[in-house]
PDB file of N, CA and C in Angstrom:
ATOM      1  N   MET A   1      -2.741 -28.652  -0.259  1.00  0.00           N
ATOM      2  CA  MET A   1      -2.942 -27.410   0.598  1.00  0.00           C
ATOM      3  C   MET A   1      -2.842 -28.080   2.206  1.00  0.00           C
ATOM      4  N   ILE A   2      -3.069 -29.131   2.114  1.00  0.00           N
ATOM      5  CA  ILE A   2      -2.610 -29.660   3.444  1.00  0.00           C
ATOM      6  C   ILE A   2      -1.048 -29.795   4.161  1.00  0.00           C
ATOM      7  N   VAL A   3      -0.280 -29.952   3.086  1.00  0.00           N
ATOM      8  CA  VAL A   3       1.013 -30.004   2.844  1.00  0.00           C
ATOM      9  C   VAL A   3       1.523 -28.617   3.384  1.00  0.00           C
ATOM     10  N   ILE A   4       0.626 -27.510   2.763  1.00  0.00           N
ATOM     11  CA  ILE A   4       1.221 -26.021   3.213  1.00  0.00           C
ATOM     12  C   ILE A   4       0.941 -25.817   4.192  1.00  0.00           C
ATOM     13  N   ALA A   5      -0.392 -26.248   4.809  1.00  0.00           N
ATOM     14  CA  ALA A   5      -0.893 -25.905   6.392  1.00  0.00           C
ATOM     15  C   ALA A   5       0.003 -26.711   7.116  1.00  0.00           C
ATOM     16  N   LEU A   6       0.518 -27.722   7.038  1.00  0.00           N
ATOM     17  CA  LEU A   6       1.348 -28.513   8.231  1.00  0.00           C
ATOM     18  C   LEU A   6       2.950 -27.770   8.059  1.00  0.00           C
ATOM     19  N   MET A   7       3.316 -27.196   7.054  1.00  0.00           N
ATOM     20  CA  MET A   7       4.871 -26.642   6.868  1.00  0.00           C
ATOM     21  C   MET A   7       4.297 -25.455   7.619  1.00  0.00           C
ATOM     22  N   LEU A   8       2.976 -24.670   7.156  1.00  0.00           N
ATOM     23  CA  LEU A   8       2.938 -23.494   8.433  1.00  0.00           C
ATOM     24  C   LEU A   8       2.841 -23.494   9.899  1.00  0.00           C
ATOM     25  N   ILE A   9       2.320 -24.544  10.238  1.00  0.00           N
ATOM     26  CA  ILE A   9       2.518 -25.325  11.233  1.00  0.00           C
ATOM     27  C   ILE A   9       3.848 -25.183  12.053  1.00  0.00           C
ATOM     28  N   GLY A  10       4.685 -25.971  11.471  1.00  0.00           N
ATOM     29  CA  GLY A  10       6.031 -26.170  11.702  1.00  0.00           C
ATOM     30  C   GLY A  10       6.669 -24.906  11.829  1.00  0.00           C
ATOM     31  N   MET A  11       6.306 -23.785  10.719  1.00  0.00           N
ATOM     32  CA  MET A  11       7.251 -22.896  11.027  1.00  0.00           C
ATOM     33  C   MET A  11       6.885 -22.020  12.124  1.00  0.00           C
ATOM     34  N   ARG A  12       5.454 -21.647  12.326  1.00  0.00           N
ATOM     35  CA  ARG A  12       4.981 -20.899  13.392  1.00  0.00           C
ATOM     36  C   ARG A  12       5.353 -21.491  15.173  1.00  0.00           C
ATOM     37  N   LEU A  13       5.468 -23.062  14.971  1.00  0.00           N
ATOM     38  CA  LEU A  13       5.790 -23.650  16.163  1.00  0.00           C
ATOM     39  C   LEU A  13       7.462 -23.241  16.327  1.00  0.00           C
ATOM     40  N   SER A  14       8.151 -23.067  15.408  1.00  0.00           N
ATOM     41  CA  SER A  14       9.599 -22.958  15.407  1.00  0.00           C
ATOM     42  C   SER A  14       9.800 -21.309  15.826  1.00  0.00           C
ATOM     43  N   GLN A  15       8.953 -20.577  15.653  1.00  0.00           N
ATOM     44  CA  GLN A  15       9.100 -19.068  16.041  1.00  0.00           C
ATOM     45  C   GLN A  15       8.287 -18.738  17.397  1.00  0.00           C
ATOM     46  N   VAL A  16       7.793 -20.093  17.878  1.00  0.00           N
ATOM     47  CA  VAL A  16       6.998 -19.797  19.139  1.00  0.00           C
ATOM     48  C   VAL A  16       8.315 -19.050  20.546  1.00  0.00           C
ATOM     49  N   SER A  17       7.973 -18.005  21.005  1.00  0.00           N
ATOM     50  CA  SER A  17       9.297 -17.751  21.628  1.00  0.00           C
ATOM     51  C   SER A  17       9.094 -17.991  23.228  1.00  0.00           C
ATOM     52  N   SER A  18       7.612 -17.801  23.763  1.00  0.00           N
ATOM     53  CA  SER A  18       7.417 -18.125  24.956  1.00  0.00           C
ATOM     54  C   SER A  18       5.894 -19.032  25.117  1.00  0.00           C
ATOM     55  N   TRP A  19       5.972 -19.754  25.957  1.00  0.00           N
ATOM     56  CA  TRP A  19       4.906 -20.745  25.847  1.00  0.00           C
ATOM     57  C   TRP A  19       3.964 -20.173  27.195  1.00  0.00           C
ATOM     58  N   CYS A  20       3.785 -18.864  26.860  1.00  0.00           N
ATOM     59  CA  CYS A  20       2.771 -18.026  28.072  1.00  0.00           C
ATOM     60  C   CYS A  20       1.181 -18.421  27.707  1.00  0.00           C
ATOM     61  N   SER A  21       1.130 -18.933  26.179  1.00  0.00           N
ATOM     62  CA  SER A  21      -0.403 -18.829  25.890  1.00  0.00           C
ATOM     63  C   SER A  21      -0.449 -20.419  26.020  1.00  0.00           C
ATOM     64  N   VAL A  22      -0.038 -21.285  26.577  1.00  0.00           N
ATOM     65  CA  VAL A  22      -0.077 -22.749  26.914  1.00  0.00           C
ATOM     66  C   VAL A  22      -1.540 -22.852  27.911  1.00  0.00           C
ATOM     67  N   GLN A  23      -1.545 -22.028  29.056  1.00  0.00           N
ATOM     68  CA  GLN A  23      -2.466 -21.798  29.986  1.00  0.00           C
ATOM     69  C   GLN A  23      -4.018 -21.667  29.277  1.00  0.00           C
ATOM     70  N   GLN A  24      -3.870 -20.453  28.188  1.00  0.00           N
ATOM     71  CA  GLN A  24      -5.248 -20.293  27.889  1.00  0.00           C
ATOM     72  C   GLN A  24      -5.482 -21.180  26.338  1.00  0.00           C
ATOM     73  N   ALA A  25      -4.735 -21.815  25.943  1.00  0.00           N
ATOM     74  CA  ALA A  25      -5.024 -22.620  25.279  1.00  0.00           C
ATOM     75  C   ALA A  25      -5.506 -24.032  25.768  1.00  0.00           C
ATOM     76  N   ALA A  26      -4.635 -24.236  26.791  1.00  0.00           N
ATOM     77  CA  ALA A  26      -5.231 -25.753  27.907  1.00  0.00           C
ATOM     78  C   ALA A  26      -6.645 -25.446  28.162  1.00  0.00           C
ATOM     79  N   MET A  27      -7.169 -24.141  28.579  1.00  0.00           N
ATOM     80  CA  MET A  27      -8.261 -23.924  29.267  1.00  0.00           C
ATOM     81  C   MET A  27      -9.482 -23.871  27.844  1.00  0.00           C
ATOM     82  N   SER A  28      -9.120 -23.423  26.863  1.00  0.00           N
ATOM     83  CA  SER A  28     -10.053 -23.748  25.918  1.00  0.00           C
ATOM     84  C   SER A  28     -10.225 -25.073  25.538  1.00  0.00           C
ATOM     85  N   LEU A  29      -9.470 -25.777  25.123  1.00  0.00           N
ATOM     86  CA  LEU A  29      -9.104 -27.376  24.558  1.00  0.00           C
ATOM     87  C   LEU A  29      -9.691 -28.103  25.845  1.00  0.00           C
ATOM     88  N   CYS A  30      -9.782 -27.730  27.014  1.00  0.00           N
ATOM     89  CA  CYS A  30     -10.293 -28.471  28.048  1.00  0.00           C
ATOM     90  C   CYS A  30     -11.957 -28.566  27.736  1.00  0.00           C
ATOM     91  N   ILE A  31     -12.271 -27.297  27.657  1.00  0.00           N
ATOM     92  CA  ILE A  31     -13.906 -27.237  27.113  1.00  0.00           C
ATOM     93  C   ILE A  31     -14.291 -27.512  26.252  1.00  0.00           C
ATOM     94  N   LYS A  32     -13.519 -27.404  24.817  1.00  0.00           N
ATOM     95  CA  LYS A  32     -13.852 -28.187  23.757  1.00  0.00           C
ATOM     96  C   LYS A  32     -13.782 -29.397  23.337  1.00  0.00           C
ATOM     97  N   MET A  33     -12.707 -30.122  23.833  1.00  0.00           N
ATOM     98  CA  MET A  33     -12.231 -31.462  23.923  1.00  0.00           C
ATOM     99  C   MET A  33     -12.737 -32.347  24.905  1.00  0.00           C
ATOM    100  N   LEU A  34     -12.946 -31.769  26.205  1.00  0.00           N
ATOM    101  CA  LEU A  34     -13.246 -32.887  27.400  1.00  0.00           C
ATOM    102  C   LEU A  34     -14.825 -32.484  28.074  1.00  0.00           C
ATOM    103  N   ILE A  35     -15.082 -31.070  28.114  1.00  0.00           N
ATOM    104  CA  ILE A  35     -16.360 -30.848  28.922  1.00  0.00           C
ATOM    105  C   ILE A  35     -17.520 -31.232  28.005  1.00  0.00           C
ATOM    106  N   VAL A  36     -17.443 -30.643  26.520  1.00  0.00           N
ATOM    107  CA  VAL A  36     -18.521 -30.635  25.820  1.00  0.00           C
ATOM    108  C   VAL A  36     -18.722 -31.981  25.563  1.00  0.00           C
ATOM    109  N   PRO A  37     -17.859 -32.706  24.973  1.00  0.00           N
ATOM    110  CA  PRO A  37     -18.036 -34.063  24.657  1.00  0.00           C
ATOM    111  C   PRO A  37     -18.559 -34.892  25.656  1.00  0.00           C
ATOM    112  N   LEU A  38     -18.248 -34.763  26.855  1.00  0.00           N
ATOM    113  CA  LEU A  38     -18.557 -35.701  27.968  1.00  0.00           C
ATOM    114  C   LEU A  38     -20.028 -35.263  28.260  1.00  0.00           C
ATOM    115  N   THR A  39     -20.458 -34.081  28.358  1.00  0.00           N
ATOM    116  CA  THR A  39     -21.711 -33.374  28.758  1.00  0.00           C
ATOM    117  C   THR A  39     -22.751 -33.816  27.514  1.00  0.00           C
ATOM    118  N   LEU A  40     -22.207 -33.756  25.959  1.00  0.00           N
ATOM    119  CA  LEU A  40     -23.189 -34.057  24.907  1.00  0.00           C
ATOM    120  C   LEU A  40     -23.490 -35.510  25.232  1.00  0.00           C
ATOM    121  N   GLY A  41     -22.180 -36.415  25.415  1.00  0.00           N
ATOM    122  CA  GLY A  41     -22.196 -37.919  25.257  1.00  0.00           C
ATOM    123  C   GLY A  41     -23.266 -38.406  26.326  1.00  0.00           C
ATOM    124  N   PHE A  42     -23.275 -37.987  27.542  1.00  0.00           N
ATOM    125  CA  PHE A  42     -24.048 -38.544  28.711  1.00  0.00           C
ATOM    126  C   PHE A  42     -25.361 -38.181  28.516  1.00  0.00           C
ATOM    127  N   SER A  43     -25.639 -36.863  27.980  1.00  0.00           N
ATOM    128  CA  SER A  43     -26.889 -36.303  27.690  1.00  0.00           C
ATOM    129  C   SER A  43     -27.764 -37.177  26.243  1.00  0.00           C
ATOM    130  N   LEU A  44     -26.903 -37.491  25.636  1.00  0.00           N
ATOM    131  CA  LEU A  44     -27.690 -38.458  24.354  1.00  0.00           C
ATOM    132  C   LEU A  44     -27.870 -39.651  24.948  1.00  0.00           C
ATOM    133  N   SER A  45     -26.890 -40.158  25.750  1.00  0.00           N
ATOM    134  CA  SER A  45     -27.416 -41.512  26.072  1.00  0.00           C
ATOM    135  C   SER A  45     -28.481 -41.781  27.288  1.00  0.00           C
ATOM    136  N   LEU A  46     -28.702 -40.574  27.822  1.00  0.00           N
ATOM    137  CA  LEU A  46     -29.906 -40.376  28.748  1.00  0.00           C
ATOM    138  C   LEU A  46     -31.307 -40.139  27.764  1.00  0.00           C
ATOM    139  N   LEU A  47     -30.982 -40.070  26.665  1.00  0.00           N
ATOM    140  CA  LEU A  47     -32.043 -39.508  25.911  1.00  0.00           C
ATOM    141  C   LEU A  47     -32.605 -40.645  24.885  1.00  0.00           C
ATOM    142  N   GLY A  48     -31.368 -42.068  25.258  1.00  0.00           N
ATOM    143  CA  GLY A  48     -31.804 -43.199  24.480  1.00  0.00           C
ATOM    144  C   GLY A  48     -30.827 -43.641  23.330  1.00  0.00           C
ATOM    145  N   LEU A  49     -30.192 -42.380  22.978  1.00  0.00           N
ATOM    146  CA  LEU A  49     -29.014 -42.807  21.794  1.00  0.00           C
ATOM    147  C   LEU A  49     -27.742 -43.681  22.422  1.00  0.00           C
ATOM    148  N   THR A  50     -27.676 -44.630  21.726  1.00  0.00           N
ATOM    149  CA  THR A  50     -26.185 -45.908  21.910  1.00  0.00           C
ATOM    150  C   THR A  50     -25.558 -46.254  21.070  1.00  0.00           C
ATOM    151  N   GLY A  51     -24.764 -46.904  21.006  1.00  0.00           N
ATOM    152  CA  GLY A  51     -23.839 -47.546  19.888  1.00  0.00           C
ATOM    153  C   GLY A  51     -23.222 -46.566  19.099  1.00  0.00           C
ATOM    154  N   THR A  52     -23.059 -47.185  17.585  1.00  0.00           N
ATOM    155  CA  THR A  52     -22.159 -46.192  17.201  1.00  0.00           C
ATOM    156  C   THR A  52     -22.709 -45.012  16.668  1.00  0.00           C
ATOM    157  N   PRO A  53     -23.912 -44.647  16.758  1.00  0.00           N
ATOM    158  CA  PRO A  53     -24.190 -42.923  16.356  1.00  0.00           C
ATOM    159  C   PRO A  53     -23.457 -42.086  17.613  1.00  0.00           C
ATOM    160  N   LEU A  54     -23.767 -42.712  18.705  1.00  0.00           N
ATOM    161  CA  LEU A  54     -23.487 -42.044  19.841  1.00  0.00           C
ATOM    162  C   LEU A  54     -22.070 -41.695  19.903  1.00  0.00           C
ATOM    163  N   LEU A  55     -21.367 -42.781  19.395  1.00  0.00           N
ATOM    164  CA  LEU A  55     -19.807 -42.873  19.397  1.00  0.00           C
ATOM    165  C   LEU A  55     -19.285 -41.559  18.475  1.00  0.00           C
ATOM    166  N   VAL A  56     -19.808 -41.976  17.302  1.00  0.00           N
ATOM    167  CA  VAL A  56     -19.680 -40.868  16.139  1.00  0.00           C
ATOM    168  C   VAL A  56     -19.832 -39.444  16.537  1.00  0.00           C
ATOM    169  N   ILE A  57     -20.969 -39.092  17.138  1.00  0.00           N
ATOM    170  CA  ILE A  57     -21.258 -37.729  17.377  1.00  0.00           C
ATOM    171  C   ILE A  57     -20.322 -37.432  18.513  1.00  0.00           C
ATOM    172  N   VAL A  58     -20.049 -37.988  19.748  1.00  0.00           N
ATOM    173  CA  VAL A  58     -18.916 -37.741  20.624  1.00  0.00           C
ATOM    174  C   VAL A  58     -17.715 -37.499  20.187  1.00  0.00           C
ATOM    175  N   LEU A  59     -17.167 -38.453  19.136  1.00  0.00           N
ATOM    176  CA  LEU A  59     -15.833 -38.249  18.391  1.00  0.00           C
ATOM    177  C   LEU A  59     -15.795 -36.995  17.568  1.00  0.00           C
ATOM    178  N   GLN A  60     -16.977 -36.592  17.108  1.00  0.00           N
ATOM    179  CA  GLN A  60     -16.873 -35.001  15.889  1.00  0.00           C
ATOM    180  C   GLN A  60     -16.919 -34.306  17.156  1.00  0.00           C
ATOM    181  N   MET A  61     -17.632 -34.254  18.276  1.00  0.00           N
ATOM    182  CA  MET A  61     -17.428 -33.137  19.128  1.00  0.00           C
ATOM    183  C   MET A  61     -15.710 -33.042  19.441  1.00  0.00           C
ATOM    184  N   ALA A  62     -15.379 -34.164  20.027  1.00  0.00           N
ATOM    185  CA  ALA A  62     -14.064 -34.084  20.638  1.00  0.00           C
ATOM    186  C   ALA A  62     -12.796 -33.741  19.943  1.00  0.00           C
ATOM    187  N   MET A  63     -13.214 -33.279  18.595  1.00  0.00           N
ATOM    188  CA  MET A  63     -11.831 -33.258  17.582  1.00  0.00           C
ATOM    189  C   MET A  63     -11.248 -32.186  17.921  1.00  0.00           C
ATOM    190  N   PRO A  64      -9.832 -32.131  17.863  1.00  0.00           N
ATOM    191  CA  PRO A  64      -8.893 -30.906  18.021  1.00  0.00           C
ATOM    192  C   PRO A  64      -9.167 -29.891  16.907  1.00  0.00           C
ATOM    193  N   PRO A  65      -8.942 -28.625  17.214  1.00  0.00           N
ATOM    194  CA  PRO A  65      -9.183 -27.758  16.092  1.00  0.00           C
ATOM    195  C   PRO A  65      -8.352 -27.979  14.984  1.00  0.00           C
ATOM    196  N   ALA A  66      -9.140 -27.383  14.039  1.00  0.00           N
ATOM    197  CA  ALA A  66      -8.754 -27.977  12.574  1.00  0.00           C
ATOM    198  C   ALA A  66      -7.548 -27.081  12.060  1.00  0.00           C
ATOM    199  N   PHE A  67      -6.746 -27.289  11.011  1.00  0.00           N
ATOM    200  CA  PHE A  67      -5.484 -26.474  10.601  1.00  0.00           C
ATOM    201  C   PHE A  67      -5.794 -25.357  10.002  1.00  0.00           C
ATOM    202  N   ALA A  68      -6.956 -25.253   9.551  1.00  0.00           N
ATOM    203  CA  ALA A  68      -7.448 -24.080   8.937  1.00  0.00           C
ATOM    204  C   ALA A  68      -7.630 -22.875   9.844  1.00  0.00           C
ATOM    205  N   THR A  69      -7.450 -22.901  10.898  1.00  0.00           N
ATOM    206  CA  THR A  69      -7.570 -22.103  11.851  1.00  0.00           C
ATOM    207  C   THR A  69      -6.192 -20.992  11.879  1.00  0.00           C
ATOM    208  N   LEU A  70      -5.304 -21.857  11.533  1.00  0.00           N
ATOM    209  CA  LEU A  70      -3.760 -21.219  11.500  1.00  0.00           C
ATOM    210  C   LEU A  70      -3.884 -20.510  10.348  1.00  0.00           C
ATOM    211  N   VAL A  71      -4.466 -20.835   9.264  1.00  0.00           N
ATOM    212  CA  VAL A  71      -4.650 -20.296   7.890  1.00  0.00           C
ATOM    213  C   VAL A  71      -5.357 -18.761   8.208  1.00  0.00           C
ATOM    214  N   ILE A  72      -6.361 -18.937   8.829  1.00  0.00           N
ATOM    215  CA  ILE A  72      -7.324 -17.739   8.966  1.00  0.00           C
ATOM    216  C   ILE A  72      -6.803 -16.907  10.041  1.00  0.00           C
ATOM    217  N   ALA A  73      -5.913 -17.313  11.010  1.00  0.00           N
ATOM    218  CA  ALA A  73      -5.318 -16.536  11.705  1.00  0.00           C
ATOM    219  C   ALA A  73      -4.120 -15.877  11.070  1.00  0.00           C
ATOM    220  N   GLU A  74      -3.248 -16.436   9.954  1.00  0.00           N
ATOM    221  CA  GLU A  74      -2.652 -15.404   9.313  1.00  0.00           C
ATOM    222  C   GLU A  74      -3.274 -14.803   8.534  1.00  0.00           C
ATOM    223  N   ALA A  75      -4.449 -14.887   7.636  1.00  0.00           N
ATOM    224  CA  ALA A  75      -4.983 -14.079   6.768  1.00  0.00           C
ATOM    225  C   ALA A  75      -5.641 -12.943   7.222  1.00  0.00           C
ATOM    226  N   TYR A  76      -6.195 -12.884   8.711  1.00  0.00           N
ATOM    227  CA  TYR A  76      -6.631 -11.888   9.458  1.00  0.00           C
ATOM    228  C   TYR A  76      -5.909 -11.175  10.686  1.00  0.00           C
ATOM    229  N   ASN A  77      -4.389 -11.938  10.420  1.00  0.00           N
ATOM    230  CA  ASN A  77      -3.709 -11.281  11.456  1.00  0.00           C
ATOM    231  C   ASN A  77      -3.971 -11.049  12.853  1.00  0.00           C
ATOM    232  N   LEU A  78      -4.401 -12.385  13.331  1.00  0.00           N
ATOM    233  CA  LEU A  78      -4.940 -12.719  14.729  1.00  0.00           C
ATOM    234  C   LEU A  78      -3.379 -13.157  15.447  1.00  0.00           C
ATOM    235  N   ASP A  79      -4.009 -13.704  16.758  1.00  0.00           N
ATOM    236  CA  ASP A  79      -3.113 -14.203  17.512  1.00  0.00           C
ATOM    237  C   ASP A  79      -2.199 -15.262  17.211  1.00  0.00           C
ATOM    238  N   ARG A  80      -1.328 -15.262  16.134  1.00  0.00           N
ATOM    239  CA  ARG A  80      -0.828 -16.644  15.634  1.00  0.00           C
ATOM    240  C   ARG A  80      -0.107 -17.690  16.765  1.00  0.00           C
ATOM    241  N   GLU A  81       0.621 -16.893  17.781  1.00  0.00           N
ATOM    242  CA  GLU A  81       1.317 -17.784  18.798  1.00  0.00           C
ATOM    243  C   GLU A  81      -0.030 -18.612  19.618  1.00  0.00           C
ATOM    244  N   LEU A  82      -1.022 -18.138  19.835  1.00  0.00           N
ATOM    245  CA  LEU A  82      -2.228 -18.721  20.476  1.00  0.00           C
ATOM    246  C   LEU A  82      -2.587 -19.903  19.535  1.00  0.00           C
ATOM    247  N   THR A  83      -2.917 -19.536  18.346  1.00  0.00           N
ATOM    248  CA  THR A  83      -3.423 -20.537  17.653  1.00  0.00           C
ATOM    249  C   THR A  83      -2.523 -21.690  17.357  1.00  0.00           C
ATOM    250  N   VAL A  84      -1.300 -21.514  17.061  1.00  0.00           N
ATOM    251  CA  VAL A  84      -0.610 -22.649  16.749  1.00  0.00           C
ATOM    252  C   VAL A  84       0.066 -23.560  18.028  1.00  0.00           C
ATOM    253  N   THR A  85      -0.281 -22.987  19.083  1.00  0.00           N
ATOM    254  CA  THR A  85      -0.175 -23.425  20.457  1.00  0.00           C
ATOM    255  C   THR A  85      -1.402 -24.570  20.844  1.00  0.00           C
ATOM    256  N   THR A  86      -2.651 -23.877  20.221  1.00  0.00           N
ATOM    257  CA  THR A  86      -3.760 -24.548  20.640  1.00  0.00           C
ATOM    258  C   THR A  86      -3.737 -26.071  19.812  1.00  0.00           C
ATOM    259  N   LEU A  87      -3.341 -25.356  18.317  1.00  0.00           N
ATOM    260  CA  LEU A  87      -3.066 -26.571  17.394  1.00  0.00           C
ATOM    261  C   LEU A  87      -2.483 -27.816  17.962  1.00  0.00           C
ATOM    262  N   ALA A  88      -1.243 -27.214  18.396  1.00  0.00           N
ATOM    263  CA  ALA A  88      -0.357 -28.542  18.596  1.00  0.00           C
ATOM    264  C   ALA A  88      -0.602 -29.378  20.097  1.00  0.00           C
ATOM    265  N   LEU A  89      -1.384 -28.661  20.665  1.00  0.00           N
ATOM    266  CA  LEU A  89      -1.980 -28.952  22.206  1.00  0.00           C
ATOM    267  C   LEU A  89      -2.949 -29.849  21.941  1.00  0.00           C
ATOM    268  N   GLY A  90      -3.706 -29.499  21.040  1.00  0.00           N
ATOM    269  CA  GLY A  90      -5.001 -30.562  20.459  1.00  0.00           C
ATOM    270  C   GLY A  90      -4.794 -31.530  19.851  1.00  0.00           C
ATOM    271  N   SER A  91      -3.747 -31.533  19.125  1.00  0.00           N
ATOM    272  CA  SER A  91      -3.520 -32.556  18.356  1.00  0.00           C
ATOM    273  C   SER A  91      -2.837 -33.934  19.499  1.00  0.00           C
ATOM    274  N   VAL A  92      -1.961 -33.367  20.186  1.00  0.00           N
ATOM    275  CA  VAL A  92      -1.238 -34.195  21.488  1.00  0.00           C
ATOM    276  C   VAL A  92      -2.538 -34.627  22.313  1.00  0.00           C
ATOM    277  N   ALA A  93      -3.335 -33.679  22.504  1.00  0.00           N
ATOM    278  CA  ALA A  93      -4.568 -34.191  23.478  1.00  0.00           C
ATOM    279  C   ALA A  93      -5.650 -35.170  22.992  1.00  0.00           C
ATOM    280  N   MET A  94      -5.718 -35.043  21.671  1.00  0.00           N
ATOM    281  CA  MET A  94      -6.495 -36.054  21.127  1.00  0.00           C
ATOM    282  C   MET A  94      -6.018 -37.648  21.149  1.00  0.00           C
ATOM    283  N   LEU A  95      -4.568 -37.726  21.041  1.00  0.00           N
ATOM    284  CA  LEU A  95      -4.043 -39.078  21.331  1.00  0.00           C
ATOM    285  C   LEU A  95      -4.055 -39.619  22.586  1.00  0.00           C
ATOM    286  N   LEU A  96      -4.423 -38.601  23.691  1.00  0.00           N
ATOM    287  CA  LEU A  96      -4.737 -38.994  24.750  1.00  0.00           C
ATOM    288  C   LEU A  96      -6.201 -39.214  25.482  1.00  0.00           C
ATOM    289  N   LEU A  97      -6.936 -38.741  24.685  1.00  0.00           N
ATOM    290  CA  LEU A  97      -8.593 -38.738  24.987  1.00  0.00           C
ATOM    291  C   LEU A  97      -9.159 -39.582  23.970  1.00  0.00           C
ATOM    292  N   LEU A  98      -8.605 -40.055  22.908  1.00  0.00           N
ATOM    293  CA  LEU A  98      -9.217 -40.778  22.155  1.00  0.00           C
ATOM    294  C   LEU A  98      -9.629 -42.184  22.770  1.00  0.00           C
ATOM    295  N   PRO A  99      -8.671 -42.679  23.587  1.00  0.00           N
ATOM    296  CA  PRO A  99      -8.991 -44.068  23.779  1.00  0.00           C
ATOM    297  C   PRO A  99     -10.198 -43.935  25.113  1.00  0.00           C
ATOM    298  N   LEU A 100     -10.033 -42.793  25.847  1.00  0.00           N
ATOM    299  CA  LEU A 100     -11.135 -42.302  26.709  1.00  0.00           C
ATOM    300  C   LEU A 100     -12.449 -42.213  25.865  1.00  0.00           C
ATOM    301  N   TRP A 101     -12.603 -41.738  25.082  1.00  0.00           N
ATOM    302  CA  TRP A 101     -14.224 -41.786  24.336  1.00  0.00           C
ATOM    303  C   TRP A 101     -14.541 -42.917  23.908  1.00  0.00           C
ATOM    304  N   LEU A 102     -13.452 -44.006  23.032  1.00  0.00           N
ATOM    305  CA  LEU A 102     -13.827 -45.247  22.749  1.00  0.00           C
ATOM    306  C   LEU A 102     -14.280 -45.941  24.041  1.00  0.00           C
ATOM    307  N   TRP A 103     -13.567 -45.798  25.404  1.00  0.00           N
ATOM    308  CA  TRP A 103     -13.814 -46.541  26.250  1.00  0.00           C
ATOM    309  C   TRP A 103     -15.403 -46.441  26.957  1.00  0.00           C
ATOM    310  N   LEU A 104     -15.505 -45.106  26.990  1.00  0.00           N
ATOM    311  CA  LEU A 104     -16.641 -44.811  27.667  1.00  0.00           C
ATOM    312  C   LEU A 104     -18.002 -44.964  27.064  1.00  0.00           C
ATOM    313  N   PHE A 105     -17.982 -44.530  25.491  1.00  0.00           N
ATOM    314  CA  PHE A 105     -18.988 -44.438  24.606  1.00  0.00           C
ATOM    315  C   PHE A 105     -19.003 -45.640  23.508  1.00  0.00           C
ATOM    316  N   LYS A 106     -18.271 -46.844  23.906  1.00  0.00           N
ATOM    317  CA  LYS A 106     -18.036 -47.768  22.924  1.00  0.00           C
ATOM    318  C   LYS A 106     -19.375 -48.528  22.555  1.00  0.00           C
ATOM    319  N   GLY A 107     -19.472 -48.750  21.200  1.00  0.00           N
ATOM    320  CA  GLY A 107     -21.107 -49.650  20.887  1.00  0.00           C
ATOM    321  C   GLY A 107     -21.109 -50.980  21.249  1.00  0.00           C
TER     322      GLY A 107
END
């Protein structure tokens, strides 16, 4: 199933005609992958949670959207272009944000 989902993402990325949904995808990813984990991480550290449990929670909150969102978008005829743009940007953003989360909340 993972291979088929990756093929579907590749097919949809090749069919993207314009990148007009990048701004909308970037805004939602900023909230999901930057603001929420940052707020939650600092809030939990103020409450006394430290070390590996804090890092695990922050990393789980900062994960990019799952590949299953494209399958759901296909099944229910939702905005496929926005979905695949969000998936692609989220995967790239995770490569950039992972060192930040590890540095800020290391155990």
